[in-house]
Amino acid sequence: MTKKLIIINAVVFVLQVLFLNRFLGYLGLVPAYAVGKGMLWQFVTYMFLHGSFLHLLFNMFVLWMFGSEIERYWGSSEFLKYYFFTGIGAGITNWAFNYSSIIPTIGASGAIFGILLAYGMAFPDRPVYLYFLIPIRAKYFVMILGAIELLAIASPRGDNIARFAHLGGLLFGYLYLKRERLVLEVRRRWAQSTRQKRLKVVKLREEKETREKERIDAILDKISKEGVDSLTDEEKDILTRASRRKEWH
């Protein structure tokens, strides 16, 4: 699957050059059109377009270097599912922060960041050579990349790089890889919340029954001291309702 993805991206880039990017606004992710005009396919097709040969070369190199390892580790089907999940998730994240923009977002970088995260979590202590020279553990490498993207977003100096898409790839990759633990945590919290609500209902019912019992005891004491004729209409109604409940039970 890694090889097929690289080939598809290369073929699409050749078509981009031949047709002078005429279909960029149709297949690239244009936030204002993707949802506003129902062009939802853009959340998938934008991943196969690239802005330059260097853009394509870098993404495909990283895909080959790290993606092939992940594919061997997971299997082709799981790898492909993860690739599209992170790529689409990156597009959704980019759309969420730029929903009115008409500038197309293109490139597989969101999915590539997802692949890097998977590599860092699968092989956290494996060395990665930063700039092909500096050895650094894979988990720290991914952390550094995430930090760089956050700092770039916070920087007042803008650029043409879809930083939110990169962070979206990391985010959706993490959610995918931790989905079982997250589901268990959601279920645990839901069960805990439900149990607390039930306990609260039981406590309120017990408190109500206690108050009613105290009221009835007070009425019975009044009867023993002053007789039935001393009761008010409200007190008689309370005794009547209590006796009916007792008969019902």
C-alpha atoms as a PDB file:
ATOM      1  CA  MET A   1       0.000   0.000   0.000  1.00  0.00           C
ATOM      2  CA  THR A   2       2.872   2.379   0.696  1.00  0.00           C
ATOM      3  CA  LYS A   3       4.209   1.854  -2.825  1.00  0.00           C
ATOM      4  CA  LYS A   4       0.756   2.265  -4.360  1.00  0.00           C
ATOM      5  CA  LEU A   5       0.155   5.505  -2.483  1.00  0.00           C
ATOM      6  CA  ILE A   6       3.496   6.870  -3.662  1.00  0.00           C
ATOM      7  CA  ILE A   7       2.731   5.903  -7.268  1.00  0.00           C
ATOM      8  CA  ILE A   8      -0.754   7.462  -7.141  1.00  0.00           C
ATOM      9  CA  ASN A   9       0.621  10.701  -5.704  1.00  0.00           C
ATOM     10  CA  ALA A  10       3.329  10.812  -8.379  1.00  0.00           C
ATOM     11  CA  VAL A  11       0.849  10.189 -11.208  1.00  0.00           C
ATOM     12  CA  VAL A  12      -1.517  12.855  -9.893  1.00  0.00           C
ATOM     13  CA  PHE A  13       1.359  15.340  -9.693  1.00  0.00           C
ATOM     14  CA  VAL A  14       2.235  14.671 -13.327  1.00  0.00           C
ATOM     15  CA  LEU A  15      -1.398  15.317 -14.255  1.00  0.00           C
ATOM     16  CA  GLN A  16      -1.273  18.549 -12.238  1.00  0.00           C
ATOM     17  CA  VAL A  17       1.719  19.714 -14.276  1.00  0.00           C
ATOM     18  CA  LEU A  18       0.181  18.681 -17.579  1.00  0.00           C
ATOM     19  CA  PHE A  19      -3.127  20.401 -16.878  1.00  0.00           C
ATOM     20  CA  LEU A  20      -1.523  23.399 -15.136  1.00  0.00           C
ATOM     21  CA  ASN A  21      -3.424  22.781 -11.880  1.00  0.00           C
ATOM     22  CA  ARG A  22      -6.763  23.499 -13.558  1.00  0.00           C
ATOM     23  CA  PHE A  23      -8.600  21.130 -11.212  1.00  0.00           C
ATOM     24  CA  LEU A  24      -6.983  22.525  -8.040  1.00  0.00           C
ATOM     25  CA  GLY A  25     -10.153  24.308  -6.913  1.00  0.00           C
ATOM     26  CA  TYR A  26     -12.216  21.184  -7.561  1.00  0.00           C
ATOM     27  CA  LEU A  27     -10.024  18.515  -5.960  1.00  0.00           C
ATOM     28  CA  GLY A  28      -8.067  20.618  -3.470  1.00  0.00           C
ATOM     29  CA  LEU A  29      -9.628  21.270  -0.085  1.00  0.00           C
ATOM     30  CA  VAL A  30     -11.340  24.655  -0.341  1.00  0.00           C
ATOM     31  CA  PRO A  31     -12.879  25.188   3.132  1.00  0.00           C
ATOM     32  CA  ALA A  32     -15.670  27.471   1.931  1.00  0.00           C
ATOM     33  CA  TYR A  33     -16.738  24.945  -0.725  1.00  0.00           C
ATOM     34  CA  ALA A  34     -16.065  21.566   0.894  1.00  0.00           C
ATOM     35  CA  VAL A  35     -19.039  21.807   3.242  1.00  0.00           C
ATOM     36  CA  GLY A  36     -20.833  24.967   2.091  1.00  0.00           C
ATOM     37  CA  LYS A  37     -21.267  23.650  -1.459  1.00  0.00           C
ATOM     38  CA  GLY A  38     -21.326  19.952  -0.603  1.00  0.00           C
ATOM     39  CA  MET A  39     -17.950  19.144  -2.184  1.00  0.00           C
ATOM     40  CA  LEU A  40     -17.144  16.619   0.526  1.00  0.00           C
ATOM     41  CA  TRP A  41     -14.845  14.555  -1.703  1.00  0.00           C
ATOM     42  CA  GLN A  42     -12.260  17.296  -1.249  1.00  0.00           C
ATOM     43  CA  PHE A  43     -11.508  15.927   2.241  1.00  0.00           C
ATOM     44  CA  VAL A  44     -10.014  12.905   0.453  1.00  0.00           C
ATOM     45  CA  THR A  45      -8.750  14.186  -2.896  1.00  0.00           C
ATOM     46  CA  TYR A  46      -6.719  17.060  -1.444  1.00  0.00           C
ATOM     47  CA  MET A  47      -4.269  14.508  -0.032  1.00  0.00           C
ATOM     48  CA  PHE A  48      -3.119  13.507  -3.507  1.00  0.00           C
ATOM     49  CA  LEU A  49      -2.280  16.995  -4.763  1.00  0.00           C
ATOM     50  CA  HIS A  50       1.010  18.792  -4.116  1.00  0.00           C
ATOM     51  CA  GLY A  51       2.241  22.320  -4.610  1.00  0.00           C
ATOM     52  CA  SER A  52       5.685  21.505  -5.992  1.00  0.00           C
ATOM     53  CA  PHE A  53       8.014  18.648  -6.787  1.00  0.00           C
ATOM     54  CA  LEU A  54       9.917  19.219  -3.528  1.00  0.00           C
ATOM     55  CA  HIS A  55       6.629  19.127  -1.611  1.00  0.00           C
ATOM     56  CA  LEU A  56       5.787  15.810  -3.232  1.00  0.00           C
ATOM     57  CA  LEU A  57       9.323  14.453  -2.796  1.00  0.00           C
ATOM     58  CA  PHE A  58       9.492  15.231   0.924  1.00  0.00           C
ATOM     59  CA  ASN A  59       6.061  13.763   1.708  1.00  0.00           C
ATOM     60  CA  MET A  60       6.675  10.611  -0.314  1.00  0.00           C
ATOM     61  CA  PHE A  61      10.133  10.147   1.184  1.00  0.00           C
ATOM     62  CA  VAL A  62       8.715  10.292   4.710  1.00  0.00           C
ATOM     63  CA  LEU A  63       5.843   8.017   3.684  1.00  0.00           C
ATOM     64  CA  TRP A  64       8.287   5.459   2.295  1.00  0.00           C
ATOM     65  CA  MET A  65      10.721   5.747   5.206  1.00  0.00           C
ATOM     66  CA  PHE A  66       8.210   5.473   8.055  1.00  0.00           C
ATOM     67  CA  GLY A  67       5.006   4.250   6.414  1.00  0.00           C
ATOM     68  CA  SER A  68       6.531   1.051   5.052  1.00  0.00           C
ATOM     69  CA  GLU A  69       7.657   0.135   8.567  1.00  0.00           C
ATOM     70  CA  ILE A  70       4.205   0.787  10.009  1.00  0.00           C
ATOM     71  CA  GLU A  71       2.574  -1.196   7.197  1.00  0.00           C
ATOM     72  CA  ARG A  72       4.790  -4.211   7.916  1.00  0.00           C
ATOM     73  CA  TYR A  73       3.958  -3.882  11.609  1.00  0.00           C
ATOM     74  CA  TRP A  74       0.173  -3.473  11.237  1.00  0.00           C
ATOM     75  CA  GLY A  75      -0.643  -5.001   7.893  1.00  0.00           C
ATOM     76  CA  SER A  76      -1.747  -3.252   4.707  1.00  0.00           C
ATOM     77  CA  SER A  77      -5.460  -2.969   5.490  1.00  0.00           C
ATOM     78  CA  GLU A  78      -5.009  -1.380   8.920  1.00  0.00           C
ATOM     79  CA  PHE A  79      -2.280   0.891   7.591  1.00  0.00           C
ATOM     80  CA  LEU A  80      -4.435   2.175   4.734  1.00  0.00           C
ATOM     81  CA  LYS A  81      -7.392   2.730   7.041  1.00  0.00           C
ATOM     82  CA  TYR A  82      -5.187   4.746   9.415  1.00  0.00           C
ATOM     83  CA  TYR A  83      -3.656   6.740   6.560  1.00  0.00           C
ATOM     84  CA  PHE A  84      -7.030   7.910   5.274  1.00  0.00           C
ATOM     85  CA  PHE A  85      -8.403   8.491   8.780  1.00  0.00           C
ATOM     86  CA  THR A  86      -5.567  10.827   9.693  1.00  0.00           C
ATOM     87  CA  GLY A  87      -5.572  12.504   6.279  1.00  0.00           C
ATOM     88  CA  ILE A  88      -9.309  13.172   6.382  1.00  0.00           C
ATOM     89  CA  GLY A  89      -9.030  14.209  10.031  1.00  0.00           C
ATOM     90  CA  ALA A  90      -6.301  16.672   9.115  1.00  0.00           C
ATOM     91  CA  GLY A  91      -8.568  18.137   6.442  1.00  0.00           C
ATOM     92  CA  ILE A  92     -11.458  18.446   8.889  1.00  0.00           C
ATOM     93  CA  THR A  93      -9.201  20.219  11.389  1.00  0.00           C
ATOM     94  CA  ASN A  94      -7.975  22.622   8.737  1.00  0.00           C
ATOM     95  CA  TRP A  95     -11.548  23.290   7.633  1.00  0.00           C
ATOM     96  CA  ALA A  96     -12.670  23.922  11.238  1.00  0.00           C
ATOM     97  CA  PHE A  97     -10.138  26.736  11.642  1.00  0.00           C
ATOM     98  CA  ASN A  98     -10.488  28.168   8.123  1.00  0.00           C
ATOM     99  CA  TYR A  99     -14.091  27.367   7.190  1.00  0.00           C
ATOM    100  CA  SER A 100     -14.642  30.560   5.185  1.00  0.00           C
ATOM    101  CA  SER A 101     -11.374  30.472   3.248  1.00  0.00           C
ATOM    102  CA  ILE A 102     -11.360  30.016  -0.527  1.00  0.00           C
ATOM    103  CA  ILE A 103      -7.669  29.135  -0.650  1.00  0.00           C
ATOM    104  CA  PRO A 104      -7.159  25.445  -1.548  1.00  0.00           C
ATOM    105  CA  THR A 105      -5.250  23.230   0.861  1.00  0.00           C
ATOM    106  CA  ILE A 106      -3.290  20.430  -0.802  1.00  0.00           C
ATOM    107  CA  GLY A 107      -0.806  17.777   0.194  1.00  0.00           C
ATOM    108  CA  ALA A 108      -0.496  14.522   2.099  1.00  0.00           C
ATOM    109  CA  SER A 109       1.266  16.210   5.025  1.00  0.00           C
ATOM    110  CA  GLY A 110      -1.625  15.678   7.460  1.00  0.00           C
ATOM    111  CA  ALA A 111      -1.572  11.925   6.870  1.00  0.00           C
ATOM    112  CA  ILE A 112       2.239  11.987   6.950  1.00  0.00           C
ATOM    113  CA  PHE A 113       2.178  13.581  10.403  1.00  0.00           C
ATOM    114  CA  GLY A 114      -0.230  10.832  11.435  1.00  0.00           C
ATOM    115  CA  ILE A 115       2.256   8.238  10.168  1.00  0.00           C
ATOM    116  CA  LEU A 116       5.063   9.900  12.127  1.00  0.00           C
ATOM    117  CA  LEU A 117       2.966   9.792  15.283  1.00  0.00           C
ATOM    118  CA  ALA A 118       2.213   6.107  14.752  1.00  0.00           C
ATOM    119  CA  TYR A 119       5.903   5.419  14.273  1.00  0.00           C
ATOM    120  CA  GLY A 120       6.796   7.346  17.425  1.00  0.00           C
ATOM    121  CA  MET A 121       4.231   5.405  19.463  1.00  0.00           C
ATOM    122  CA  ALA A 122       5.031   2.010  17.948  1.00  0.00           C
ATOM    123  CA  PHE A 123       8.813   2.422  18.186  1.00  0.00           C
ATOM    124  CA  PRO A 124       9.312   5.176  20.791  1.00  0.00           C
ATOM    125  CA  ASP A 125      12.989   4.515  21.503  1.00  0.00           C
ATOM    126  CA  ARG A 126      14.118   3.840  17.957  1.00  0.00           C
ATOM    127  CA  PRO A 127      16.609   6.483  16.786  1.00  0.00           C
ATOM    128  CA  VAL A 128      15.612   8.939  14.058  1.00  0.00           C
ATOM    129  CA  TYR A 129      18.307  11.084  12.484  1.00  0.00           C
ATOM    130  CA  LEU A 130      17.269  14.720  12.576  1.00  0.00           C
ATOM    131  CA  TYR A 131      18.638  16.458   9.464  1.00  0.00           C
ATOM    132  CA  PHE A 132      20.256  13.070   8.698  1.00  0.00           C
ATOM    133  CA  LEU A 133      22.900  13.857  11.345  1.00  0.00           C
ATOM    134  CA  ILE A 134      21.490  14.163  14.858  1.00  0.00           C
ATOM    135  CA  PRO A 135      20.173  10.923  16.425  1.00  0.00           C
ATOM    136  CA  ILE A 136      17.032  11.409  18.487  1.00  0.00           C
ATOM    137  CA  ARG A 137      14.453   8.970  19.834  1.00  0.00           C
ATOM    138  CA  ALA A 138      11.339   8.692  17.702  1.00  0.00           C
ATOM    139  CA  LYS A 139       8.968   9.766  20.499  1.00  0.00           C
ATOM    140  CA  TYR A 140      10.940  12.969  21.089  1.00  0.00           C
ATOM    141  CA  PHE A 141      11.147  13.582  17.358  1.00  0.00           C
ATOM    142  CA  VAL A 142       7.338  13.571  17.106  1.00  0.00           C
ATOM    143  CA  MET A 143       7.036  15.838  20.159  1.00  0.00           C
ATOM    144  CA  ILE A 144       9.435  18.317  18.599  1.00  0.00           C
ATOM    145  CA  LEU A 145       7.461  18.341  15.350  1.00  0.00           C
ATOM    146  CA  GLY A 146       4.226  19.003  17.233  1.00  0.00           C
ATOM    147  CA  ALA A 147       5.858  21.805  19.232  1.00  0.00           C
ATOM    148  CA  ILE A 148       7.197  23.402  16.057  1.00  0.00           C
ATOM    149  CA  GLU A 149       3.709  23.420  14.514  1.00  0.00           C
ATOM    150  CA  LEU A 150       2.193  24.980  17.637  1.00  0.00           C
ATOM    151  CA  LEU A 151       4.853  27.667  17.774  1.00  0.00           C
ATOM    152  CA  ALA A 152       4.403  28.386  14.074  1.00  0.00           C
ATOM    153  CA  ILE A 153       0.653  28.908  14.576  1.00  0.00           C
ATOM    154  CA  ALA A 154       1.292  31.228  17.521  1.00  0.00           C
ATOM    155  CA  SER A 155       3.833  33.216  15.519  1.00  0.00           C
ATOM    156  CA  PRO A 156       2.520  36.508  14.049  1.00  0.00           C
ATOM    157  CA  ARG A 157       4.455  35.853  10.865  1.00  0.00           C
ATOM    158  CA  GLY A 158       2.242  33.765   8.610  1.00  0.00           C
ATOM    159  CA  ASP A 159       3.179  31.330   5.864  1.00  0.00           C
ATOM    160  CA  ASN A 160       1.461  29.173   3.257  1.00  0.00           C
ATOM    161  CA  ILE A 161       1.820  25.959   5.246  1.00  0.00           C
ATOM    162  CA  ALA A 162      -1.354  24.291   6.546  1.00  0.00           C
ATOM    163  CA  ARG A 163      -0.230  24.044  10.170  1.00  0.00           C
ATOM    164  CA  PHE A 164      -3.687  23.121  11.435  1.00  0.00           C
ATOM    165  CA  ALA A 165      -3.753  20.176   9.033  1.00  0.00           C
ATOM    166  CA  HIS A 166      -0.435  18.939  10.448  1.00  0.00           C
ATOM    167  CA  LEU A 167      -1.728  19.188  14.005  1.00  0.00           C
ATOM    168  CA  GLY A 168      -4.977  17.579  12.905  1.00  0.00           C
ATOM    169  CA  GLY A 169      -3.021  14.603  11.564  1.00  0.00           C
ATOM    170  CA  LEU A 170      -1.333  14.230  14.946  1.00  0.00           C
ATOM    171  CA  LEU A 171      -4.601  14.652  16.841  1.00  0.00           C
ATOM    172  CA  PHE A 172      -6.639  12.198  14.788  1.00  0.00           C
ATOM    173  CA  GLY A 173      -3.728   9.755  14.791  1.00  0.00           C
ATOM    174  CA  TYR A 174      -3.650   9.852  18.572  1.00  0.00           C
ATOM    175  CA  LEU A 175      -7.425   9.402  18.803  1.00  0.00           C
ATOM    176  CA  TYR A 176      -7.258   6.433  16.433  1.00  0.00           C
ATOM    177  CA  LEU A 177      -4.403   4.738  18.266  1.00  0.00           C
ATOM    178  CA  LYS A 178      -5.982   5.337  21.668  1.00  0.00           C
ATOM    179  CA  ARG A 179      -9.554   4.688  20.597  1.00  0.00           C
ATOM    180  CA  GLU A 180     -10.017   1.519  22.679  1.00  0.00           C
ATOM    181  CA  ARG A 181      -8.706   3.186  25.826  1.00  0.00           C
ATOM    182  CA  LEU A 182     -10.779   6.297  25.113  1.00  0.00           C
ATOM    183  CA  VAL A 183     -13.933   4.244  24.590  1.00  0.00           C
ATOM    184  CA  LEU A 184     -13.330   2.394  27.868  1.00  0.00           C
ATOM    185  CA  GLU A 185     -12.759   5.696  29.662  1.00  0.00           C
ATOM    186  CA  VAL A 186     -15.966   7.170  28.213  1.00  0.00           C
ATOM    187  CA  ARG A 187     -17.901   4.075  29.289  1.00  0.00           C
ATOM    188  CA  ARG A 188     -16.367   4.209  32.768  1.00  0.00           C
ATOM    189  CA  ARG A 189     -17.259   7.868  33.187  1.00  0.00           C
ATOM    190  CA  TRP A 190     -20.780   7.265  31.866  1.00  0.00           C
ATOM    191  CA  ALA A 191     -21.281   4.347  34.264  1.00  0.00           C
ATOM    192  CA  GLN A 192     -19.923   6.435  37.128  1.00  0.00           C
ATOM    193  CA  SER A 193     -22.194   9.344  36.229  1.00  0.00           C
ATOM    194  CA  THR A 194     -25.216   7.037  35.948  1.00  0.00           C
ATOM    195  CA  ARG A 195     -24.409   5.430  39.290  1.00  0.00           C
ATOM    196  CA  GLN A 196     -24.085   8.840  40.940  1.00  0.00           C
ATOM    197  CA  LYS A 197     -27.421   9.939  39.495  1.00  0.00           C
ATOM    198  CA  ARG A 198     -29.089   6.773  40.783  1.00  0.00           C
ATOM    199  CA  LEU A 199     -27.555   7.239  44.214  1.00  0.00           C
ATOM    200  CA  LYS A 200     -28.746  10.836  44.212  1.00  0.00           C
ATOM    201  CA  VAL A 201     -32.298   9.745  43.337  1.00  0.00           C
ATOM    202  CA  VAL A 202     -32.228   7.076  46.053  1.00  0.00           C
ATOM    203  CA  LYS A 203     -30.892   9.578  48.573  1.00  0.00           C
ATOM    204  CA  LEU A 204     -33.565  12.138  47.706  1.00  0.00           C
ATOM    205  CA  ARG A 205     -36.270   9.474  47.987  1.00  0.00           C
ATOM    206  CA  GLU A 206     -34.944   8.328  51.350  1.00  0.00           C
ATOM    207  CA  GLU A 207     -34.801  11.912  52.597  1.00  0.00           C
ATOM    208  CA  LYS A 208     -38.374  12.468  51.448  1.00  0.00           C
ATOM    209  CA  GLU A 209     -39.554   9.275  53.150  1.00  0.00           C
ATOM    210  CA  THR A 210     -37.732  10.293  56.333  1.00  0.00           C
ATOM    211  CA  ARG A 211     -39.406  13.700  56.349  1.00  0.00           C
ATOM    212  CA  GLU A 212     -42.813  12.114  55.747  1.00  0.00           C
ATOM    213  CA  LYS A 213     -42.255   9.579  58.532  1.00  0.00           C
ATOM    214  CA  GLU A 214     -41.259  12.350  60.937  1.00  0.00           C
ATOM    215  CA  ARG A 215     -44.368  14.308  59.965  1.00  0.00           C
ATOM    216  CA  ILE A 216     -46.610  11.295  60.442  1.00  0.00           C
ATOM    217  CA  ASP A 217     -45.015  10.499  63.818  1.00  0.00           C
ATOM    218  CA  ALA A 218     -45.668  14.084  64.878  1.00  0.00           C
ATOM    219  CA  ILE A 219     -49.318  13.796  63.775  1.00  0.00           C
ATOM    220  CA  LEU A 220     -49.755  10.507  65.664  1.00  0.00           C
ATOM    221  CA  ASP A 221     -48.258  12.096  68.772  1.00  0.00           C
ATOM    222  CA  LYS A 222     -50.738  14.925  68.389  1.00  0.00           C
ATOM    223  CA  ILE A 223     -53.619  12.438  68.143  1.00  0.00           C
ATOM    224  CA  SER A 224     -52.480  10.634  71.271  1.00  0.00           C
ATOM    225  CA  LYS A 225     -52.312  13.888  73.194  1.00  0.00           C
ATOM    226  CA  GLU A 226     -55.189  15.955  71.772  1.00  0.00           C
ATOM    227  CA  GLY A 227     -57.389  13.502  69.889  1.00  0.00           C
ATOM    228  CA  VAL A 228     -58.341  13.106  66.234  1.00  0.00           C
ATOM    229  CA  ASP A 229     -60.536  16.223  66.260  1.00  0.00           C
ATOM    230  CA  SER A 230     -57.455  18.378  66.816  1.00  0.00           C
ATOM    231  CA  LEU A 231     -56.070  17.520  63.378  1.00  0.00           C
ATOM    232  CA  THR A 232     -56.165  20.011  60.533  1.00  0.00           C
ATOM    233  CA  ASP A 233     -57.483  19.067  57.104  1.00  0.00           C
ATOM    234  CA  GLU A 234     -53.917  18.946  55.786  1.00  0.00           C
ATOM    235  CA  GLU A 235     -52.827  16.573  58.559  1.00  0.00           C
ATOM    236  CA  LYS A 236     -55.819  14.322  57.880  1.00  0.00           C
ATOM    237  CA  ASP A 237     -54.907  14.223  54.169  1.00  0.00           C
ATOM    238  CA  ILE A 238     -51.331  13.248  55.057  1.00  0.00           C
ATOM    239  CA  LEU A 239     -52.552  10.337  57.181  1.00  0.00           C
ATOM    240  CA  THR A 240     -55.011   9.250  54.487  1.00  0.00           C
ATOM    241  CA  ARG A 241     -52.301   9.209  51.776  1.00  0.00           C
ATOM    242  CA  ALA A 242     -49.925   7.350  54.076  1.00  0.00           C
ATOM    243  CA  SER A 243     -52.513   4.678  54.884  1.00  0.00           C
ATOM    244  CA  ARG A 244     -53.287   4.211  51.173  1.00  0.00           C
ATOM    245  CA  ARG A 245     -49.624   3.714  50.342  1.00  0.00           C
ATOM    246  CA  LYS A 246     -49.343   1.198  53.136  1.00  0.00           C
ATOM    247  CA  GLU A 247     -52.381  -0.695  51.872  1.00  0.00           C
ATOM    248  CA  TRP A 248     -50.943  -0.635  48.344  1.00  0.00           C
ATOM    249  CA  HIS A 249     -47.608  -2.094  49.460  1.00  0.00           C
END
